[in-house]
């Protein structure tokens, strides 16, 4: 339980530090989605839904751009989404590393990994 509490504290602190960048990336995803949605004659909600499905690289395929510029913007949306996700993963990995190191000494970690 100590690890979980420490991890959560450090993770949310890291997300707080990265929040301006994460918000800028999320806003970029929304704006790109709205641009593509307007070009493809989708509703706003559908456009934002498509943008985040594309940004997370899930891509259900229920909505897909057919116009050339929209396709280019979808690739940009996906790249921004990968960066967005990568930052969150990096913060999580850092939080886990710092949490382990603060709870266990290096000799204890070596014992846990059988070294």
N, C-alpha and C. Protein backbone atom coordinates (compact mmCIF):
# COMPACT_ATOMS: atom_id res chain seq x y z
N UNK A 1 0.83 -1.20 0.00
CA UNK A 1 0.00 0.00 0.00
C UNK A 1 0.87 1.26 0.00
N UNK A 2 2.02 1.16 0.63
CA UNK A 2 2.93 2.31 0.67
C UNK A 2 3.39 2.70 -0.73
N UNK A 3 3.70 1.67 -1.55
CA UNK A 3 4.13 1.94 -2.92
C UNK A 3 3.04 2.63 -3.71
N UNK A 4 1.80 2.14 -3.58
CA UNK A 4 0.68 2.71 -4.32
C UNK A 4 0.46 4.17 -3.95
N UNK A 5 0.53 4.47 -2.67
CA UNK A 5 0.34 5.86 -2.23
C UNK A 5 1.45 6.75 -2.75
N UNK A 6 2.68 6.28 -2.68
CA UNK A 6 3.82 7.06 -3.16
C UNK A 6 3.74 7.25 -4.67
N UNK A 7 3.43 6.16 -5.39
CA UNK A 7 3.30 6.23 -6.85
C UNK A 7 2.24 7.26 -7.24
N UNK A 8 1.08 7.17 -6.62
CA UNK A 8 -0.03 8.08 -6.95
C UNK A 8 0.37 9.53 -6.71
N UNK A 9 1.02 9.78 -5.59
CA UNK A 9 1.45 11.14 -5.26
C UNK A 9 2.43 11.67 -6.31
N UNK A 10 3.43 10.89 -6.64
CA UNK A 10 4.45 11.32 -7.60
C UNK A 10 3.86 11.42 -9.00
N UNK A 11 3.00 10.48 -9.37
CA UNK A 11 2.38 10.49 -10.70
C UNK A 11 1.57 11.77 -10.91
N UNK A 12 0.70 12.10 -9.96
CA UNK A 12 -0.13 13.29 -10.14
C UNK A 12 0.68 14.57 -10.05
N UNK A 13 1.78 14.55 -9.28
CA UNK A 13 2.68 15.70 -9.27
C UNK A 13 3.30 15.88 -10.65
N UNK A 14 3.74 14.79 -11.25
CA UNK A 14 4.32 14.85 -12.60
C UNK A 14 3.32 15.29 -13.64
N UNK A 15 2.10 14.79 -13.55
CA UNK A 15 1.05 15.21 -14.47
C UNK A 15 0.77 16.70 -14.30
N UNK A 16 0.81 17.17 -13.06
CA UNK A 16 0.63 18.60 -12.81
C UNK A 16 1.72 19.43 -13.47
N UNK A 17 2.95 18.94 -13.39
CA UNK A 17 4.06 19.66 -14.03
C UNK A 17 3.92 19.66 -15.55
N UNK A 18 3.44 18.55 -16.09
CA UNK A 18 3.29 18.42 -17.55
C UNK A 18 1.96 18.96 -18.06
N UNK A 19 1.09 19.39 -17.16
CA UNK A 19 -0.27 19.80 -17.54
C UNK A 19 -0.31 20.85 -18.65
N UNK A 20 0.50 21.90 -18.61
CA UNK A 20 0.41 22.88 -19.71
C UNK A 20 0.70 22.25 -21.07
N UNK A 21 1.70 21.39 -21.14
CA UNK A 21 2.02 20.72 -22.40
C UNK A 21 0.91 19.75 -22.79
N UNK A 22 0.41 18.97 -21.83
CA UNK A 22 -0.67 18.02 -22.12
C UNK A 22 -1.93 18.74 -22.59
N UNK A 23 -2.23 19.86 -21.95
CA UNK A 23 -3.42 20.63 -22.37
C UNK A 23 -3.24 21.20 -23.77
N UNK A 24 -2.04 21.68 -24.08
CA UNK A 24 -1.78 22.21 -25.43
C UNK A 24 -1.91 21.10 -26.48
N UNK A 25 -1.40 19.92 -26.16
CA UNK A 25 -1.52 18.80 -27.09
C UNK A 25 -2.98 18.37 -27.26
N UNK A 26 -3.72 18.31 -26.14
CA UNK A 26 -5.13 17.93 -26.21
C UNK A 26 -5.93 18.96 -27.00
N UNK A 27 -5.61 20.23 -26.80
CA UNK A 27 -6.29 21.28 -27.56
C UNK A 27 -5.97 21.16 -29.05
N UNK A 28 -4.73 20.83 -29.36
CA UNK A 28 -4.34 20.63 -30.76
C UNK A 28 -5.13 19.49 -31.38
N UNK A 29 -5.31 18.41 -30.62
CA UNK A 29 -6.09 17.27 -31.11
C UNK A 29 -7.53 17.68 -31.39
N UNK A 30 -8.11 18.45 -30.47
CA UNK A 30 -9.49 18.90 -30.64
C UNK A 30 -9.61 19.81 -31.87
N UNK A 31 -8.70 20.77 -32.00
CA UNK A 31 -8.75 21.70 -33.13
C UNK A 31 -8.59 20.96 -34.46
N UNK A 32 -7.62 20.06 -34.51
CA UNK A 32 -7.44 19.28 -35.74
C UNK A 32 -8.68 18.45 -36.04
N UNK A 33 -9.27 17.87 -35.01
CA UNK A 33 -10.49 17.09 -35.20
C UNK A 33 -11.63 17.94 -35.73
N UNK A 34 -11.77 19.16 -35.20
CA UNK A 34 -12.83 20.04 -35.68
C UNK A 34 -12.59 20.49 -37.12
N UNK A 35 -11.33 20.71 -37.47
CA UNK A 35 -11.01 21.08 -38.86
C UNK A 35 -11.36 19.92 -39.80
N UNK A 36 -10.92 18.72 -39.44
CA UNK A 36 -11.23 17.55 -40.27
C UNK A 36 -12.74 17.33 -40.32
N UNK A 37 -13.39 17.46 -39.17
CA UNK A 37 -14.84 17.27 -39.12
C UNK A 37 -15.59 18.25 -40.01
N UNK A 38 -15.14 19.50 -40.03
CA UNK A 38 -15.78 20.50 -40.89
C UNK A 38 -15.56 20.16 -42.37
N UNK A 39 -14.37 19.72 -42.71
CA UNK A 39 -14.06 19.35 -44.10
C UNK A 39 -14.85 18.12 -44.54
N UNK A 40 -15.08 17.21 -43.60
CA UNK A 40 -15.75 15.95 -43.93
C UNK A 40 -17.26 16.00 -43.66
N UNK A 41 -17.76 17.14 -43.22
CA UNK A 41 -19.19 17.34 -42.91
C UNK A 41 -19.67 16.45 -41.77
N UNK A 42 -18.84 16.33 -40.73
CA UNK A 42 -19.23 15.60 -39.53
C UNK A 42 -19.74 16.60 -38.50
N UNK A 43 -20.52 16.12 -37.54
CA UNK A 43 -20.91 16.96 -36.42
C UNK A 43 -19.72 17.19 -35.49
N UNK A 44 -19.84 18.19 -34.63
CA UNK A 44 -18.72 18.51 -33.71
C UNK A 44 -18.37 17.35 -32.79
N UNK A 45 -19.37 16.73 -32.21
CA UNK A 45 -19.11 15.62 -31.29
C UNK A 45 -18.43 14.47 -32.03
N UNK A 46 -18.91 14.16 -33.22
CA UNK A 46 -18.28 13.11 -34.03
C UNK A 46 -16.83 13.47 -34.36
N UNK A 47 -16.58 14.74 -34.66
CA UNK A 47 -15.23 15.18 -35.01
C UNK A 47 -14.27 15.04 -33.83
N UNK A 48 -14.73 15.43 -32.65
CA UNK A 48 -13.88 15.31 -31.45
C UNK A 48 -13.68 13.84 -31.10
N UNK A 49 -14.73 13.06 -31.19
CA UNK A 49 -14.64 11.62 -30.96
C UNK A 49 -13.61 11.02 -31.91
N UNK A 50 -13.72 11.32 -33.20
CA UNK A 50 -12.78 10.80 -34.20
C UNK A 50 -11.35 11.21 -33.86
N UNK A 51 -11.17 12.47 -33.46
CA UNK A 51 -9.83 12.98 -33.18
C UNK A 51 -9.18 12.19 -32.05
N UNK A 52 -9.90 11.93 -30.98
CA UNK A 52 -9.29 11.22 -29.85
C UNK A 52 -9.14 9.72 -30.13
N UNK A 53 -10.04 9.15 -30.91
CA UNK A 53 -9.87 7.76 -31.31
C UNK A 53 -8.64 7.63 -32.20
N UNK A 54 -8.44 8.60 -33.08
CA UNK A 54 -7.25 8.61 -33.94
C UNK A 54 -5.99 8.89 -33.13
N UNK A 55 -6.07 9.86 -32.21
CA UNK A 55 -4.91 10.23 -31.40
C UNK A 55 -4.43 9.08 -30.52
N UNK A 56 -5.34 8.26 -30.06
CA UNK A 56 -4.95 7.11 -29.24
C UNK A 56 -4.59 5.90 -30.08
N UNK A 57 -4.63 6.06 -31.38
CA UNK A 57 -4.33 5.03 -32.38
C UNK A 57 -5.26 3.82 -32.29
N UNK A 58 -6.44 4.01 -31.73
CA UNK A 58 -7.43 2.94 -31.69
C UNK A 58 -8.04 2.77 -33.08
N UNK A 59 -8.56 3.85 -33.63
CA UNK A 59 -9.07 3.86 -34.99
C UNK A 59 -10.15 2.83 -35.27
N UNK A 60 -11.33 3.02 -34.74
CA UNK A 60 -12.41 2.06 -34.96
C UNK A 60 -12.82 1.94 -36.42
N UNK A 61 -12.67 3.00 -37.18
CA UNK A 61 -13.02 2.95 -38.59
C UNK A 61 -14.45 3.35 -38.90
N UNK A 62 -15.23 3.70 -37.87
CA UNK A 62 -16.61 4.11 -38.12
C UNK A 62 -16.66 5.48 -38.80
N UNK A 63 -15.69 6.33 -38.51
CA UNK A 63 -15.53 7.60 -39.20
C UNK A 63 -14.13 7.60 -39.80
N UNK A 64 -14.02 8.00 -41.04
CA UNK A 64 -12.69 8.10 -41.63
C UNK A 64 -12.69 9.18 -42.69
N UNK A 65 -11.62 9.94 -42.72
CA UNK A 65 -11.55 11.02 -43.69
C UNK A 65 -11.33 10.46 -45.10
N UNK A 66 -11.90 11.14 -46.08
CA UNK A 66 -11.73 10.72 -47.48
C UNK A 66 -11.02 11.79 -48.31
N UNK A 67 -11.00 13.01 -47.84
CA UNK A 67 -10.35 14.09 -48.58
C UNK A 67 -8.85 14.09 -48.28
N UNK A 68 -8.02 14.40 -49.27
CA UNK A 68 -6.56 14.32 -49.09
C UNK A 68 -6.02 15.14 -47.92
N UNK A 69 -6.45 16.41 -47.78
CA UNK A 69 -5.95 17.23 -46.67
C UNK A 69 -6.39 16.64 -45.33
N UNK A 70 -7.59 16.13 -45.27
CA UNK A 70 -8.08 15.51 -44.04
C UNK A 70 -7.23 14.30 -43.65
N UNK A 71 -6.79 13.57 -44.65
CA UNK A 71 -5.93 12.41 -44.37
C UNK A 71 -4.58 12.85 -43.81
N UNK A 72 -4.04 13.92 -44.35
CA UNK A 72 -2.77 14.46 -43.83
C UNK A 72 -2.96 14.93 -42.39
N UNK A 73 -4.05 15.62 -42.13
CA UNK A 73 -4.33 16.10 -40.77
C UNK A 73 -4.56 14.93 -39.81
N UNK A 74 -5.08 13.83 -40.31
CA UNK A 74 -5.27 12.66 -39.43
C UNK A 74 -3.93 12.06 -39.01
N UNK A 75 -2.95 12.08 -39.90
CA UNK A 75 -1.61 11.59 -39.54
C UNK A 75 -1.00 12.51 -38.48
N UNK A 76 -1.16 13.82 -38.66
CA UNK A 76 -0.65 14.77 -37.67
C UNK A 76 -1.33 14.56 -36.33
N UNK A 77 -2.64 14.33 -36.36
CA UNK A 77 -3.39 14.06 -35.13
C UNK A 77 -2.85 12.81 -34.44
N UNK A 78 -2.57 11.77 -35.18
CA UNK A 78 -2.04 10.54 -34.60
C UNK A 78 -0.66 10.76 -33.98
N UNK A 79 0.19 11.52 -34.65
CA UNK A 79 1.53 11.79 -34.12
C UNK A 79 1.43 12.60 -32.82
N UNK A 80 0.58 13.61 -32.80
CA UNK A 80 0.39 14.38 -31.57
C UNK A 80 -0.15 13.48 -30.46
N UNK A 81 -1.05 12.59 -30.81
CA UNK A 81 -1.60 11.65 -29.82
C UNK A 81 -0.54 10.72 -29.26
N UNK A 82 0.38 10.28 -30.10
CA UNK A 82 1.47 9.42 -29.62
C UNK A 82 2.36 10.19 -28.66
N UNK A 83 2.64 11.44 -28.98
CA UNK A 83 3.44 12.28 -28.07
C UNK A 83 2.70 12.46 -26.74
N UNK A 84 1.41 12.75 -26.81
CA UNK A 84 0.58 12.92 -25.62
C UNK A 84 0.63 11.67 -24.73
N UNK A 85 0.41 10.53 -25.35
CA UNK A 85 0.43 9.26 -24.61
C UNK A 85 1.83 8.98 -24.06
N UNK A 86 2.85 9.26 -24.86
CA UNK A 86 4.23 9.03 -24.42
C UNK A 86 4.59 9.83 -23.19
N UNK A 87 4.11 11.06 -23.11
CA UNK A 87 4.40 11.89 -21.94
C UNK A 87 3.75 11.28 -20.70
N UNK A 88 2.52 10.83 -20.82
CA UNK A 88 1.83 10.21 -19.68
C UNK A 88 2.55 8.93 -19.25
N UNK A 89 2.97 8.12 -20.22
CA UNK A 89 3.70 6.89 -19.89
C UNK A 89 5.03 7.23 -19.23
N UNK A 90 5.73 8.23 -19.72
CA UNK A 90 7.01 8.63 -19.13
C UNK A 90 6.83 9.09 -17.69
N UNK A 91 5.78 9.84 -17.43
CA UNK A 91 5.50 10.28 -16.06
C UNK A 91 5.21 9.07 -15.17
N UNK A 92 4.45 8.11 -15.68
CA UNK A 92 4.12 6.91 -14.91
C UNK A 92 5.36 6.08 -14.61
N UNK A 93 6.23 5.91 -15.61
CA UNK A 93 7.47 5.13 -15.40
C UNK A 93 8.35 5.83 -14.37
N UNK A 94 8.47 7.14 -14.50
CA UNK A 94 9.27 7.89 -13.53
C UNK A 94 8.69 7.75 -12.12
N UNK A 95 7.37 7.85 -12.00
CA UNK A 95 6.73 7.73 -10.69
C UNK A 95 6.98 6.35 -10.09
N UNK A 96 6.91 5.31 -10.92
CA UNK A 96 7.18 3.95 -10.42
C UNK A 96 8.63 3.80 -9.98
N UNK A 97 9.55 4.32 -10.78
CA UNK A 97 10.97 4.23 -10.45
C UNK A 97 11.28 4.94 -9.14
N UNK A 98 10.82 6.17 -9.02
CA UNK A 98 11.08 6.95 -7.81
C UNK A 98 10.42 6.29 -6.60
N UNK A 99 9.22 5.75 -6.78
CA UNK A 99 8.52 5.09 -5.67
C UNK A 99 9.28 3.86 -5.19
N UNK A 100 9.75 3.04 -6.14
CA UNK A 100 10.54 1.87 -5.75
C UNK A 100 11.80 2.29 -5.01
N UNK A 101 12.50 3.27 -5.54
CA UNK A 101 13.76 3.69 -4.93
C UNK A 101 13.57 4.33 -3.57
N UNK A 102 12.43 4.97 -3.35
CA UNK A 102 12.20 5.59 -2.05
C UNK A 102 11.78 4.57 -0.99
N UNK A 103 11.21 3.46 -1.43
CA UNK A 103 10.73 2.45 -0.48
C UNK A 103 11.79 1.37 -0.23
N UNK A 104 12.49 0.96 -1.27
CA UNK A 104 13.47 -0.12 -1.17
C UNK A 104 14.87 0.43 -1.42
N UNK A 105 15.83 -0.14 -0.69
CA UNK A 105 17.22 0.20 -0.96
C UNK A 105 17.68 -0.60 -2.18
N UNK A 106 18.80 -0.23 -2.75
CA UNK A 106 19.31 -0.94 -3.93
C UNK A 106 19.58 -2.41 -3.60
N UNK A 107 20.06 -2.71 -2.40
CA UNK A 107 20.33 -4.11 -2.05
C UNK A 107 19.03 -4.90 -1.97
N UNK A 108 17.95 -4.28 -1.49
CA UNK A 108 16.66 -4.96 -1.44
C UNK A 108 16.11 -5.19 -2.85
N UNK A 109 16.32 -4.23 -3.74
CA UNK A 109 15.85 -4.37 -5.12
C UNK A 109 16.61 -5.50 -5.81
N UNK A 110 17.91 -5.63 -5.54
CA UNK A 110 18.70 -6.71 -6.13
C UNK A 110 18.20 -8.07 -5.65
N UNK A 111 17.82 -8.15 -4.39
CA UNK A 111 17.27 -9.40 -3.85
C UNK A 111 15.94 -9.72 -4.52
N UNK A 112 15.10 -8.70 -4.73
CA UNK A 112 13.81 -8.91 -5.37
C UNK A 112 13.97 -9.45 -6.79
N UNK A 113 15.02 -8.99 -7.50
CA UNK A 113 15.27 -9.44 -8.88
C UNK A 113 16.24 -10.59 -8.95
N UNK A 114 16.64 -11.13 -7.83
CA UNK A 114 17.47 -12.32 -7.82
C UNK A 114 18.92 -12.10 -8.23
N UNK A 115 19.42 -10.92 -8.03
CA UNK A 115 20.83 -10.65 -8.40
C UNK A 115 21.74 -10.86 -7.20
